[in-house]
N, C-alpha and C. Protein backbone atom coordinates (compact mmCIF):
# COMPACT_ATOMS: atom_id res chain seq x y z
N MET A 1 -14.06 46.02 -14.41
CA MET A 1 -14.41 45.16 -15.19
C MET A 1 -13.60 43.96 -15.30
N ASN A 2 -12.37 43.86 -14.61
CA ASN A 2 -11.40 42.71 -14.45
C ASN A 2 -11.88 41.85 -13.00
N ARG A 3 -12.66 42.35 -12.22
CA ARG A 3 -12.89 42.02 -11.00
C ARG A 3 -14.06 41.06 -10.99
N LEU A 4 -14.94 41.37 -12.20
CA LEU A 4 -15.94 40.14 -12.46
C LEU A 4 -15.54 38.79 -12.88
N PRO A 5 -14.59 38.77 -13.75
CA PRO A 5 -14.09 37.31 -14.21
C PRO A 5 -13.41 36.49 -12.99
N ALA A 6 -12.69 37.49 -11.82
CA ALA A 6 -11.88 36.87 -11.03
C ALA A 6 -12.82 36.41 -10.01
N ALA A 7 -14.07 37.06 -9.80
CA ALA A 7 -14.82 36.88 -8.77
C ALA A 7 -15.67 35.45 -9.56
N LEU A 8 -15.72 35.54 -10.45
CA LEU A 8 -16.56 34.40 -11.18
C LEU A 8 -15.68 33.11 -10.95
N LEU A 9 -14.59 33.14 -11.33
CA LEU A 9 -13.38 32.17 -11.23
C LEU A 9 -13.69 31.63 -9.69
N LEU A 10 -13.60 32.52 -8.72
CA LEU A 10 -13.53 32.27 -7.48
C LEU A 10 -14.63 31.23 -6.95
N CYS A 11 -15.78 31.96 -7.26
CA CYS A 11 -16.93 31.02 -7.36
C CYS A 11 -16.89 29.45 -7.64
N LEU A 12 -16.52 29.50 -8.83
CA LEU A 12 -16.53 28.19 -9.48
C LEU A 12 -15.32 27.18 -9.15
N THR A 13 -14.43 27.86 -8.38
CA THR A 13 -13.56 27.12 -7.92
C THR A 13 -14.10 26.55 -6.51
N THR A 14 -14.61 27.44 -6.07
CA THR A 14 -15.17 27.12 -4.42
C THR A 14 -16.30 25.83 -4.67
N SER A 15 -16.92 25.87 -5.66
CA SER A 15 -18.17 25.12 -5.77
C SER A 15 -17.55 23.77 -6.22
N VAL A 16 -16.37 23.60 -7.06
CA VAL A 16 -15.83 22.56 -7.35
C VAL A 16 -15.27 21.73 -6.13
N PHE A 17 -14.29 22.77 -5.16
CA PHE A 17 -13.82 21.97 -4.25
C PHE A 17 -14.82 21.85 -2.88
N ALA A 18 -16.22 22.34 -3.07
CA ALA A 18 -16.94 22.07 -1.99
C ALA A 18 -17.67 20.72 -2.26
N GLY A 19 -17.61 20.36 -3.51
CA GLY A 19 -18.17 18.95 -3.87
C GLY A 19 -19.54 19.20 -4.62
N GLY A 20 -19.62 20.03 -5.51
CA GLY A 20 -20.72 20.01 -6.22
C GLY A 20 -21.39 21.26 -6.47
N ASN A 21 -22.89 21.27 -6.28
CA ASN A 21 -23.85 22.65 -6.35
C ASN A 21 -23.65 23.36 -5.44
N ASP A 22 -23.44 22.64 -4.14
CA ASP A 22 -23.57 23.53 -2.69
C ASP A 22 -22.19 24.21 -2.70
N ALA A 23 -22.10 25.44 -2.75
CA ALA A 23 -21.08 26.35 -2.61
C ALA A 23 -20.29 26.16 -1.06
N SER A 24 -21.08 25.85 -0.10
CA SER A 24 -20.57 25.69 1.20
C SER A 24 -19.45 24.93 1.50
N PRO A 25 -18.24 25.19 1.94
CA PRO A 25 -17.12 24.29 2.28
C PRO A 25 -17.30 23.16 2.94
N ASP A 26 -18.69 22.83 3.80
CA ASP A 26 -19.04 21.70 4.34
C ASP A 26 -19.74 20.83 3.47
N ALA A 27 -19.85 21.03 2.38
CA ALA A 27 -20.29 20.25 1.28
C ALA A 27 -19.75 18.92 1.26
N PHE A 28 -18.46 18.62 1.64
CA PHE A 28 -17.91 17.37 1.81
C PHE A 28 -17.72 16.92 3.08
N GLU A 29 -17.87 15.97 3.58
CA GLU A 29 -17.53 15.25 4.95
C GLU A 29 -17.21 13.82 4.82
N LEU A 30 -16.42 13.28 5.42
CA LEU A 30 -16.01 12.10 5.57
C LEU A 30 -15.47 11.42 6.90
N THR A 31 -16.38 10.47 7.50
CA THR A 31 -16.06 9.95 8.76
C THR A 31 -15.63 8.68 8.74
N LEU A 32 -14.31 8.26 9.23
CA LEU A 32 -13.80 6.73 9.32
C LEU A 32 -13.92 6.14 10.82
N THR A 33 -14.50 5.13 10.84
CA THR A 33 -14.69 4.43 12.20
C THR A 33 -13.98 2.99 12.23
N ARG A 34 -13.43 3.00 13.10
CA ARG A 34 -12.59 1.46 13.36
C ARG A 34 -12.93 1.07 14.59
N GLU A 35 -13.32 -0.29 14.49
CA GLU A 35 -14.19 -0.81 15.75
C GLU A 35 -13.26 -1.96 16.48
N SER A 36 -13.93 -2.49 17.33
CA SER A 36 -13.08 -3.29 18.14
C SER A 36 -12.62 -4.79 17.63
N CYS A 37 -11.84 -5.64 18.06
CA CYS A 37 -11.73 -6.84 17.69
C CYS A 37 -11.25 -7.61 19.18
N PHE A 38 -10.91 -8.98 19.08
CA PHE A 38 -10.75 -9.41 20.44
C PHE A 38 -9.12 -9.23 20.72
N GLY A 39 -8.49 -8.69 19.92
CA GLY A 39 -7.10 -7.99 20.52
C GLY A 39 -7.23 -6.77 20.62
N THR A 40 -5.85 -6.32 20.19
CA THR A 40 -5.36 -4.75 20.31
C THR A 40 -5.51 -4.00 19.14
N CYS A 41 -6.63 -4.07 18.39
CA CYS A 41 -7.01 -3.28 17.18
C CYS A 41 -7.19 -1.91 17.60
N PRO A 42 -6.66 -0.83 17.19
CA PRO A 42 -7.11 0.46 17.32
C PRO A 42 -8.62 0.70 17.30
N MET A 43 -9.16 1.41 18.21
CA MET A 43 -10.70 1.72 18.01
C MET A 43 -10.58 3.22 18.28
N TYR A 44 -11.25 3.66 16.90
CA TYR A 44 -11.28 5.34 16.99
C TYR A 44 -12.21 5.49 15.92
N THR A 45 -12.73 6.90 15.93
CA THR A 45 -13.54 7.61 14.79
C THR A 45 -12.69 8.90 14.56
N VAL A 46 -12.41 9.16 13.05
CA VAL A 46 -11.97 10.46 12.59
C VAL A 46 -12.91 11.04 11.82
N HIS A 47 -13.27 12.33 11.80
CA HIS A 47 -13.94 12.81 10.80
C HIS A 47 -13.61 14.30 10.18
N VAL A 48 -13.58 14.42 9.09
CA VAL A 48 -13.19 15.57 8.42
C VAL A 48 -14.26 16.22 7.56
N ASN A 49 -14.29 17.79 7.56
CA ASN A 49 -15.14 18.70 6.67
C ASN A 49 -14.55 19.14 5.60
N GLY A 50 -15.01 19.79 4.89
CA GLY A 50 -14.79 20.70 3.74
C GLY A 50 -13.91 21.80 4.13
N ASN A 51 -13.84 22.09 5.20
CA ASN A 51 -12.84 22.92 5.35
C ASN A 51 -11.53 22.31 5.92
N GLY A 52 -11.70 21.40 6.23
CA GLY A 52 -10.23 20.74 6.32
C GLY A 52 -10.16 20.39 8.10
N ALA A 53 -11.18 21.05 8.75
CA ALA A 53 -11.15 20.60 10.25
C ALA A 53 -11.47 19.23 10.41
N VAL A 54 -10.63 18.46 11.32
CA VAL A 54 -10.24 17.15 11.85
C VAL A 54 -10.82 17.03 13.15
N ASP A 55 -11.77 15.95 13.46
CA ASP A 55 -12.24 15.55 14.87
C ASP A 55 -11.75 14.48 15.14
N TRP A 56 -11.08 13.99 16.02
CA TRP A 56 -10.49 12.63 16.38
C TRP A 56 -11.01 12.30 17.62
N ASN A 57 -11.41 11.00 17.70
CA ASN A 57 -11.97 10.39 19.11
C ASN A 57 -11.24 9.11 19.26
N GLY A 58 -10.26 8.92 19.85
CA GLY A 58 -9.77 7.80 20.29
C GLY A 58 -10.34 7.06 21.36
N GLU A 59 -10.53 5.66 21.16
CA GLU A 59 -11.32 5.11 22.28
C GLU A 59 -10.16 3.88 23.16
N ARG A 60 -9.55 2.98 22.10
CA ARG A 60 -8.90 2.15 22.83
C ARG A 60 -7.64 1.77 21.98
N TRP A 61 -6.93 1.27 22.48
CA TRP A 61 -5.52 0.81 21.78
C TRP A 61 -4.98 1.67 20.83
N VAL A 62 -5.02 3.15 21.47
CA VAL A 62 -4.58 4.17 20.57
C VAL A 62 -3.67 4.92 21.51
N LYS A 63 -2.70 5.66 20.97
CA LYS A 63 -1.81 6.70 21.67
C LYS A 63 -2.85 7.89 22.55
N VAL A 64 -3.58 8.28 21.52
CA VAL A 64 -4.26 9.50 22.29
C VAL A 64 -5.96 9.07 22.24
N THR A 65 -6.13 8.97 23.39
CA THR A 65 -7.47 8.59 23.57
C THR A 65 -8.54 10.11 23.99
N GLY A 66 -9.91 9.90 23.55
CA GLY A 66 -10.50 10.98 23.93
C GLY A 66 -10.48 12.01 22.50
N PRO A 67 -11.30 12.89 22.75
CA PRO A 67 -11.28 13.85 21.50
C PRO A 67 -10.05 14.92 21.27
N LEU A 68 -9.79 15.22 20.11
CA LEU A 68 -8.64 16.09 19.66
C LEU A 68 -9.16 16.69 18.41
N LYS A 69 -8.31 17.70 18.26
CA LYS A 69 -8.97 18.76 16.92
C LYS A 69 -7.78 18.89 16.19
N ALA A 70 -7.94 18.95 15.03
CA ALA A 70 -6.52 19.08 14.11
C ALA A 70 -7.22 19.93 12.98
N SER A 71 -6.31 19.92 11.79
CA SER A 71 -6.97 20.40 10.45
C SER A 71 -6.05 19.85 9.54
N VAL A 72 -6.42 19.68 8.34
CA VAL A 72 -5.52 19.28 7.23
C VAL A 72 -5.62 20.22 5.93
N GLY A 73 -4.73 20.24 5.06
CA GLY A 73 -4.83 21.29 3.88
C GLY A 73 -5.66 20.81 2.96
N GLN A 74 -5.96 21.66 1.78
CA GLN A 74 -6.80 21.38 0.56
C GLN A 74 -6.04 20.33 -0.25
N GLY A 75 -4.84 20.11 -0.31
CA GLY A 75 -4.35 18.98 -1.25
C GLY A 75 -4.78 17.77 -0.43
N ASN A 76 -5.06 17.44 0.84
CA ASN A 76 -5.07 16.14 1.79
C ASN A 76 -6.78 15.94 1.18
N LEU A 77 -7.59 17.29 1.33
CA LEU A 77 -9.14 17.05 1.09
C LEU A 77 -8.97 16.82 -0.76
N VAL A 78 -8.38 17.30 -1.29
CA VAL A 78 -8.29 16.81 -2.81
C VAL A 78 -8.28 15.27 -3.14
N ARG A 79 -6.96 14.89 -2.31
CA ARG A 79 -6.92 13.24 -2.34
C ARG A 79 -7.99 12.53 -1.82
N LEU A 80 -8.63 13.05 -0.96
CA LEU A 80 -9.55 12.25 -0.08
C LEU A 80 -10.72 12.12 -1.29
N ARG A 81 -11.06 13.38 -1.59
CA ARG A 81 -12.08 13.12 -2.71
C ARG A 81 -12.13 12.37 -3.89
N GLN A 82 -10.50 12.50 -4.20
CA GLN A 82 -10.43 11.69 -5.43
C GLN A 82 -10.27 10.23 -4.89
N ALA A 83 -10.11 9.63 -3.72
CA ALA A 83 -10.15 8.32 -3.27
C ALA A 83 -11.67 8.13 -3.40
N VAL A 84 -12.39 8.81 -2.93
CA VAL A 84 -14.01 8.72 -2.96
C VAL A 84 -14.51 8.15 -4.40
N GLN A 85 -14.19 9.14 -5.21
CA GLN A 85 -14.45 9.01 -6.49
C GLN A 85 -13.90 7.58 -7.25
N ALA A 86 -12.63 7.40 -6.97
CA ALA A 86 -11.94 6.41 -7.66
C ALA A 86 -12.71 4.84 -7.14
N SER A 87 -13.42 4.80 -5.86
CA SER A 87 -14.17 3.84 -5.36
C SER A 87 -15.15 3.60 -5.79
N ASN A 88 -15.74 4.72 -6.41
CA ASN A 88 -17.30 4.38 -6.63
C ASN A 88 -18.21 4.12 -5.72
N PHE A 89 -17.89 4.96 -4.53
CA PHE A 89 -18.24 5.09 -3.13
C PHE A 89 -19.79 4.70 -3.38
N PHE A 90 -20.67 5.44 -4.11
CA PHE A 90 -22.07 5.69 -3.65
C PHE A 90 -22.68 4.58 -4.73
N SER A 91 -22.00 3.93 -5.43
CA SER A 91 -22.63 2.79 -6.22
C SER A 91 -22.23 1.15 -5.30
N LEU A 92 -21.49 1.47 -4.08
CA LEU A 92 -21.25 0.04 -3.49
C LEU A 92 -22.19 -0.08 -2.50
N ARG A 93 -22.24 -1.44 -2.17
CA ARG A 93 -23.50 -1.91 -0.99
C ARG A 93 -23.30 -1.21 0.11
N ASP A 94 -24.38 -1.19 0.91
CA ASP A 94 -24.21 -0.55 2.18
C ASP A 94 -23.52 -1.21 3.40
N GLU A 95 -23.25 -2.69 3.20
CA GLU A 95 -22.82 -3.47 4.09
C GLU A 95 -21.70 -4.63 3.33
N TYR A 96 -20.77 -5.03 3.93
CA TYR A 96 -20.00 -6.12 3.77
C TYR A 96 -19.50 -6.86 4.83
N LEU A 97 -20.44 -8.07 5.34
CA LEU A 97 -20.48 -8.29 6.97
C LEU A 97 -20.25 -9.96 6.96
N ALA A 98 -19.77 -10.43 5.74
CA ALA A 98 -19.79 -12.04 5.95
C ALA A 98 -18.53 -12.17 6.67
N MET A 99 -18.47 -13.27 7.70
CA MET A 99 -17.60 -13.44 8.52
C MET A 99 -16.84 -14.90 8.38
N SER A 100 -15.86 -14.58 7.47
CA SER A 100 -15.14 -15.57 7.08
C SER A 100 -14.02 -16.04 7.91
N VAL A 101 -13.39 -15.00 8.53
CA VAL A 101 -12.46 -15.15 9.53
C VAL A 101 -12.87 -14.47 10.71
N SER A 102 -12.68 -15.03 12.19
CA SER A 102 -12.98 -14.17 13.15
C SER A 102 -11.92 -13.40 13.64
N ASP A 103 -12.17 -12.74 14.67
CA ASP A 103 -11.15 -11.46 15.35
C ASP A 103 -10.66 -10.71 14.77
N LEU A 104 -11.26 -10.16 13.64
CA LEU A 104 -11.30 -8.84 12.76
C LEU A 104 -11.82 -7.92 13.03
N PRO A 105 -11.62 -6.76 13.03
CA PRO A 105 -12.36 -5.60 13.40
C PRO A 105 -13.42 -5.13 12.41
N TYR A 106 -14.48 -4.70 12.77
CA TYR A 106 -15.37 -3.94 11.77
C TYR A 106 -14.93 -2.53 11.57
N ALA A 107 -15.59 -2.04 10.49
CA ALA A 107 -15.22 -0.46 10.19
C ALA A 107 -16.36 0.03 9.43
N SER A 108 -16.09 1.44 9.33
CA SER A 108 -17.07 2.11 8.51
C SER A 108 -16.66 3.30 8.05
N VAL A 109 -17.07 3.52 6.62
CA VAL A 109 -16.81 4.91 6.15
C VAL A 109 -17.98 5.61 5.74
N GLU A 110 -18.17 6.98 6.22
CA GLU A 110 -19.40 7.73 5.87
C GLU A 110 -18.87 8.98 5.02
N VAL A 111 -19.57 9.16 3.73
CA VAL A 111 -19.30 10.35 3.05
C VAL A 111 -20.47 11.16 2.59
N ARG A 112 -20.29 12.39 2.87
CA ARG A 112 -21.32 13.32 2.34
C ARG A 112 -20.54 14.08 1.17
N GLN A 113 -21.33 14.49 0.12
CA GLN A 113 -20.95 15.14 -0.95
C GLN A 113 -22.23 15.81 -1.41
N GLY A 114 -22.24 17.09 -1.27
CA GLY A 114 -23.46 18.12 -1.72
C GLY A 114 -24.55 17.38 -0.92
N ALA A 115 -25.72 16.95 -1.41
CA ALA A 115 -26.99 16.43 -1.03
C ALA A 115 -26.81 14.70 -0.97
N ARG A 116 -25.68 14.25 -1.20
CA ARG A 116 -25.44 12.64 -1.34
C ARG A 116 -24.76 12.42 0.06
N ARG A 117 -25.25 11.23 0.73
CA ARG A 117 -24.55 10.78 1.90
C ARG A 117 -24.94 9.34 2.00
N LYS A 118 -23.76 8.61 2.21
CA LYS A 118 -23.88 7.17 2.34
C LYS A 118 -22.94 6.63 3.47
N LYS A 119 -23.40 5.69 4.25
CA LYS A 119 -22.54 4.90 4.95
C LYS A 119 -22.16 3.51 4.64
N ILE A 120 -21.07 3.12 4.79
CA ILE A 120 -20.79 1.53 4.17
C ILE A 120 -20.28 1.00 5.69
N ARG A 121 -20.68 -0.02 6.05
CA ARG A 121 -20.12 -0.75 7.50
C ARG A 121 -19.43 -2.07 6.74
N TYR A 122 -18.46 -2.37 7.25
CA TYR A 122 -17.63 -3.60 6.54
C TYR A 122 -16.67 -4.46 7.73
N TYR A 123 -16.68 -5.68 7.65
CA TYR A 123 -15.86 -6.67 8.48
C TYR A 123 -14.62 -6.77 7.69
N LEU A 124 -13.47 -6.50 8.03
CA LEU A 124 -12.28 -6.70 7.69
C LEU A 124 -12.06 -8.16 7.21
N GLY A 125 -12.72 -9.26 7.77
CA GLY A 125 -12.59 -10.65 7.50
C GLY A 125 -13.57 -10.81 6.13
N ASP A 126 -14.13 -10.30 5.75
CA ASP A 126 -15.15 -10.43 4.51
C ASP A 126 -14.47 -10.24 3.33
N PRO A 127 -14.15 -11.41 2.61
CA PRO A 127 -13.39 -11.65 1.25
C PRO A 127 -14.13 -10.67 0.21
N GLY A 128 -15.56 -10.44 0.31
CA GLY A 128 -16.04 -9.43 -0.70
C GLY A 128 -16.18 -8.23 -0.50
N VAL A 129 -15.27 -7.46 0.54
CA VAL A 129 -15.10 -5.99 0.73
C VAL A 129 -14.26 -5.67 -0.48
N PRO A 130 -14.72 -4.70 -1.40
CA PRO A 130 -13.86 -4.11 -2.51
C PRO A 130 -12.62 -3.60 -2.13
N SER A 131 -11.71 -3.94 -2.81
CA SER A 131 -10.38 -3.46 -2.43
C SER A 131 -10.62 -1.71 -2.57
N ALA A 132 -11.12 -1.25 -3.37
CA ALA A 132 -11.41 0.43 -3.44
C ALA A 132 -12.04 0.91 -2.27
N LEU A 133 -12.95 0.01 -1.53
CA LEU A 133 -13.14 0.59 -0.28
C LEU A 133 -12.20 0.51 0.78
N LEU A 134 -11.36 -0.62 0.91
CA LEU A 134 -10.10 -0.41 1.97
C LEU A 134 -9.12 0.36 1.51
N ASN A 135 -8.97 0.76 0.17
CA ASN A 135 -8.07 1.73 -0.15
C ASN A 135 -8.51 3.21 0.21
N LEU A 136 -9.87 3.29 0.17
CA LEU A 136 -10.54 4.60 0.68
C LEU A 136 -9.90 4.94 2.12
N ALA A 137 -10.34 3.66 2.80
CA ALA A 137 -10.03 4.04 4.17
C ALA A 137 -8.65 4.07 4.41
N LYS A 138 -7.81 3.49 3.97
CA LYS A 138 -6.32 3.44 4.10
C LYS A 138 -5.82 5.09 3.73
N THR A 139 -6.41 5.54 2.62
CA THR A 139 -6.18 7.03 2.36
C THR A 139 -6.76 7.83 3.40
N ALA A 140 -7.56 7.72 3.92
CA ALA A 140 -8.39 8.62 4.81
C ALA A 140 -7.51 8.68 6.08
N ASP A 141 -6.96 7.47 6.35
CA ASP A 141 -5.83 7.16 7.41
C ASP A 141 -4.78 8.01 7.36
N ARG A 142 -4.11 7.96 6.20
CA ARG A 142 -2.83 8.96 5.48
C ARG A 142 -3.07 10.20 5.38
N GLU A 143 -4.38 10.73 4.96
CA GLU A 143 -4.44 11.71 4.57
C GLU A 143 -4.57 12.80 5.65
N LEU A 144 -5.36 12.03 6.80
CA LEU A 144 -5.94 12.71 7.96
C LEU A 144 -4.83 12.60 9.35
N GLY A 145 -4.01 12.10 8.93
CA GLY A 145 -2.72 11.69 9.89
C GLY A 145 -2.90 10.72 11.14
N THR A 146 -4.09 9.62 10.92
CA THR A 146 -4.18 9.16 12.19
C THR A 146 -3.04 8.22 12.56
N ALA A 147 -1.84 8.23 12.09
CA ALA A 147 -0.83 7.17 12.67
C ALA A 147 -0.41 7.73 13.67
N THR A 148 -0.29 9.50 13.72
CA THR A 148 0.35 10.09 14.83
C THR A 148 -0.68 9.76 16.03
N TRP A 149 -1.86 9.44 15.99
CA TRP A 149 -2.82 9.51 17.36
C TRP A 149 -2.82 7.92 17.47
N ILE A 150 -2.71 7.22 16.56
CA ILE A 150 -2.83 5.48 16.94
C ILE A 150 -1.46 5.36 17.65
N GLY A 151 -0.32 5.87 17.29
CA GLY A 151 0.97 5.43 17.77
C GLY A 151 1.72 4.33 17.26
N ARG A 152 1.38 3.82 16.03
CA ARG A 152 1.86 2.70 15.46
C ARG A 152 2.33 3.35 13.96
């Protein structure tokens, strides 16, 4: 009889960490893409899934070019999910592309939580980009360890 409550707790915990009603560990995914500018802005894409598997693809102005696989722990994933929630990601606009300053890069953040999926593309020179979205991208860089592959 003691096994039933423990099994139930395990299922509930897995469901919460997987991002909702879908108990699959892949129910959470985040992709951050940083695009080019006229200078030496790092160009890369980094993706993480609910298992903590990280896929990096460095394009230009980064220390590690090409694909690389890594992983992060559950604590990193929890902090990423908290940052997504804190940003009200799914209620933000799909684009922030006003160009008030030239020569800054574009970026995008895409999130999947359960059945919800959204991609936001933004220009770093758009004064209307919510600080919560910028903080989410910074959190993704920090929690996924991109500084190691960028080399800065």
